[in-house]
Amino acid sequence: MVEVSGGMTEAVLRLLHFNKFGKEIENHLFRKLRSGSSFREIALPYEDREVRAAVVDGLKGLEKLKMNIDSGIVYHLVEVMACPSGCINGAGLPFVTSREEIRNRSKLIFQADETEAINLPVKSPSIINLYGKLLKDNKEIDDLKLFHTHFERRNVLL
């Protein structure tokens, strides 16, 4: 799902819901995230508050995001995809000009997600084995060093 704009946000919210409630969230709740507009937002109930997320698709939505943040809206997660519609319309795929073709690519991703037996990382035998056995049994391997990174601001001209 991360190939489509909003897919990473959907994946994070799915996992958050699963970890809290022990069951998968209903896909229809993500209909707004799959709309295809340049700016999308979603608010899902979580405990006594809402978790708010925003998706910027193709950089055109940055202005709307900034306007919302300036007005006081707080987002817990913001996903920005530079390529309109996400990686399915990115530099790694054959170039298409038809919006219909891009919609078809997205539709295939969503259909594959619906039919996958495993669509949450916590249910993946590979991930369970990695964290439950490999990283636990090998103290010299630190998952923070493997999977986390740190960025430092640099003053450079591009």
Protein backbone atom coordinates (compact mmCIF):
# COMPACT_ATOMS: atom_id res chain seq x y z
CA MET A 1 0.00 0.00 0.00
CA VAL A 2 2.92 2.37 0.47
CA GLU A 3 3.10 2.69 -3.31
CA VAL A 4 0.06 4.95 -3.29
CA SER A 5 -0.21 8.37 -1.73
CA GLY A 6 -1.73 7.93 1.73
CA GLY A 7 -0.71 4.27 1.92
CA MET A 8 1.89 4.76 4.63
CA THR A 9 -0.56 6.78 6.71
CA GLU A 10 -3.17 4.07 6.32
CA ALA A 11 -0.65 1.40 7.34
CA VAL A 12 0.38 3.32 10.48
CA LEU A 13 -3.24 3.93 11.49
CA ARG A 14 -4.13 0.29 10.88
CA LEU A 15 -1.30 -0.85 13.14
CA LEU A 16 -2.19 1.71 15.80
CA HIS A 17 -5.79 0.46 15.83
CA PHE A 18 -4.74 -3.20 15.89
CA ASN A 19 -2.32 -2.65 18.78
CA LYS A 20 -4.97 -0.79 20.79
CA PHE A 21 -8.07 -2.88 20.08
CA GLY A 22 -6.62 -6.26 18.98
CA LYS A 23 -8.58 -6.32 15.74
CA GLU A 24 -8.23 -4.91 12.26
CA ILE A 25 -9.86 -1.62 11.41
CA GLU A 26 -12.57 -1.49 8.77
CA ASN A 27 -11.21 -0.33 5.39
CA HIS A 28 -14.19 1.93 4.65
CA LEU A 29 -12.84 4.33 7.29
CA PHE A 30 -9.95 5.09 4.94
CA ARG A 31 -12.15 6.10 1.99
CA LYS A 32 -11.16 9.77 2.46
CA LEU A 33 -7.47 8.90 2.33
CA ARG A 34 -7.99 7.11 -0.97
CA SER A 35 -9.84 9.99 -2.64
CA GLY A 36 -6.97 11.22 -4.80
CA SER A 37 -7.16 14.94 -4.02
CA SER A 38 -3.95 16.89 -3.41
CA PHE A 39 -4.67 17.26 0.32
CA ARG A 40 -6.53 14.78 2.48
CA GLU A 41 -7.01 14.46 6.20
CA ILE A 42 -8.53 11.94 8.56
CA ALA A 43 -9.40 11.85 12.24
CA LEU A 44 -9.95 8.51 13.95
CA PRO A 45 -11.10 7.99 17.54
CA TYR A 46 -8.42 6.70 19.87
CA GLU A 47 -9.07 6.43 23.60
CA ASP A 48 -10.46 9.81 24.73
CA ARG A 49 -9.19 11.80 21.73
CA GLU A 50 -8.77 11.71 17.99
CA VAL A 51 -5.67 10.82 16.04
CA ARG A 52 -5.36 13.24 13.13
CA ALA A 53 -3.39 12.56 9.99
CA ALA A 54 -2.84 14.52 6.78
CA VAL A 55 -1.70 13.38 3.35
CA VAL A 56 -0.14 15.74 0.82
CA ASP A 57 -0.24 14.33 -2.70
CA GLY A 58 2.06 15.82 -5.31
CA LEU A 59 3.12 18.90 -3.31
CA LYS A 60 0.08 20.94 -4.43
CA GLY A 61 -1.48 20.23 -1.06
CA LEU A 62 1.36 21.81 0.93
CA GLU A 63 -0.39 25.17 0.92
CA LYS A 64 -3.55 23.66 2.43
CA LEU A 65 -1.46 21.79 5.03
CA LYS A 66 0.34 24.99 6.02
CA MET A 67 -2.92 26.91 6.19
CA ASN A 68 -4.47 24.27 8.48
CA ILE A 69 -1.43 24.13 10.76
CA ASP A 70 -1.35 27.94 10.93
CA SER A 71 -5.03 27.90 11.95
CA GLY A 72 -4.19 25.65 14.92
CA ILE A 73 -4.99 22.18 13.59
CA VAL A 74 -2.59 19.62 15.04
CA TYR A 75 -1.68 16.52 13.06
CA HIS A 76 -0.09 13.50 14.68
CA LEU A 77 1.09 12.19 11.33
CA VAL A 78 1.78 13.93 8.03
CA GLU A 79 2.65 12.05 4.85
CA VAL A 80 4.02 13.95 1.86
CA MET A 81 4.43 12.30 -1.53
CA ALA A 82 6.24 14.38 -4.14
CA CYS A 83 4.98 12.31 -7.07
CA PRO A 84 1.26 12.90 -7.71
CA SER A 85 -0.60 9.74 -6.62
CA GLY A 86 2.58 8.39 -5.02
CA CYS A 87 5.23 5.99 -6.23
CA ILE A 88 2.80 4.41 -8.69
CA ASN A 89 3.32 7.59 -10.72
CA GLY A 90 6.98 8.02 -9.83
CA ALA A 91 10.27 7.91 -11.64
CA GLY A 92 10.62 4.14 -11.23
CA LEU A 93 7.62 3.33 -13.42
CA PRO A 94 6.83 3.95 -17.08
CA PHE A 95 5.55 7.48 -17.54
CA VAL A 96 1.82 7.85 -18.16
CA THR A 97 -0.24 10.96 -18.79
CA SER A 98 -3.65 9.38 -18.36
CA ARG A 99 -5.34 9.90 -15.00
CA GLU A 100 -7.29 6.74 -15.78
CA GLU A 101 -4.07 4.71 -15.96
CA ILE A 102 -2.92 6.11 -12.62
CA ARG A 103 -6.33 5.27 -11.08
CA ASN A 104 -6.03 1.74 -12.47
CA ARG A 105 -2.59 1.34 -10.88
CA SER A 106 -4.02 2.49 -7.53
CA LYS A 107 -6.99 0.18 -7.88
CA LEU A 108 -4.67 -2.80 -8.37
CA ILE A 109 -2.76 -1.92 -5.20
CA PHE A 110 -5.98 -1.63 -3.17
CA GLN A 111 -7.33 -4.90 -4.62
CA ALA A 112 -4.09 -6.70 -3.74
CA ASP A 113 -4.32 -5.33 -0.20
CA GLU A 114 -7.88 -6.63 0.14
CA THR A 115 -6.85 -10.16 -0.88
CA GLU A 116 -3.57 -10.43 1.02
CA ALA A 117 -3.64 -12.95 3.85
CA ILE A 118 -1.28 -10.76 5.88
CA ASN A 119 -1.67 -6.99 5.71
CA LEU A 120 -0.31 -6.00 9.12
CA PRO A 121 3.36 -6.25 10.10
CA VAL A 122 2.45 -7.71 13.50
CA LYS A 123 0.91 -10.70 11.72
CA SER A 124 3.88 -11.37 9.41
CA PRO A 125 5.81 -14.54 10.31
CA SER A 126 8.99 -12.91 8.96
CA ILE A 127 8.64 -9.86 11.21
CA ILE A 128 7.60 -11.96 14.20
CA ASN A 129 10.69 -14.14 13.67
CA LEU A 130 12.96 -11.12 13.23
CA TYR A 131 11.89 -9.42 16.44
CA GLY A 132 10.86 -12.43 18.48
CA LYS A 133 13.85 -14.62 17.78
CA LEU A 134 16.73 -13.12 15.79
CA LEU A 135 16.98 -9.76 17.56
CA LYS A 136 16.07 -11.21 20.95
CA ASP A 137 18.64 -14.04 20.72
CA ASN A 138 21.47 -11.87 19.35
CA LYS A 139 22.26 -9.19 21.87
CA GLU A 140 24.97 -7.71 19.64
CA ILE A 141 22.30 -6.73 17.10
CA ASP A 142 20.48 -3.58 18.16
CA ASP A 143 17.22 -2.90 16.33
CA LEU A 144 17.57 0.82 17.03
CA LYS A 145 20.84 0.85 15.11
CA LEU A 146 19.36 -1.24 12.30
CA PHE A 147 16.05 0.51 11.76
CA HIS A 148 16.38 4.05 13.07
CA THR A 149 18.37 6.91 11.68
CA HIS A 150 19.28 10.43 12.61
CA PHE A 151 19.48 13.46 10.37
CA GLU A 152 21.48 16.58 10.92
CA ARG A 153 20.75 19.90 9.30
CA ARG A 154 23.47 20.95 6.89
CA ASN A 155 23.82 24.30 5.21
CA VAL A 156 24.57 23.37 1.64
CA LEU A 157 23.57 24.75 -1.71
CA LEU A 158 22.02 22.27 -4.07
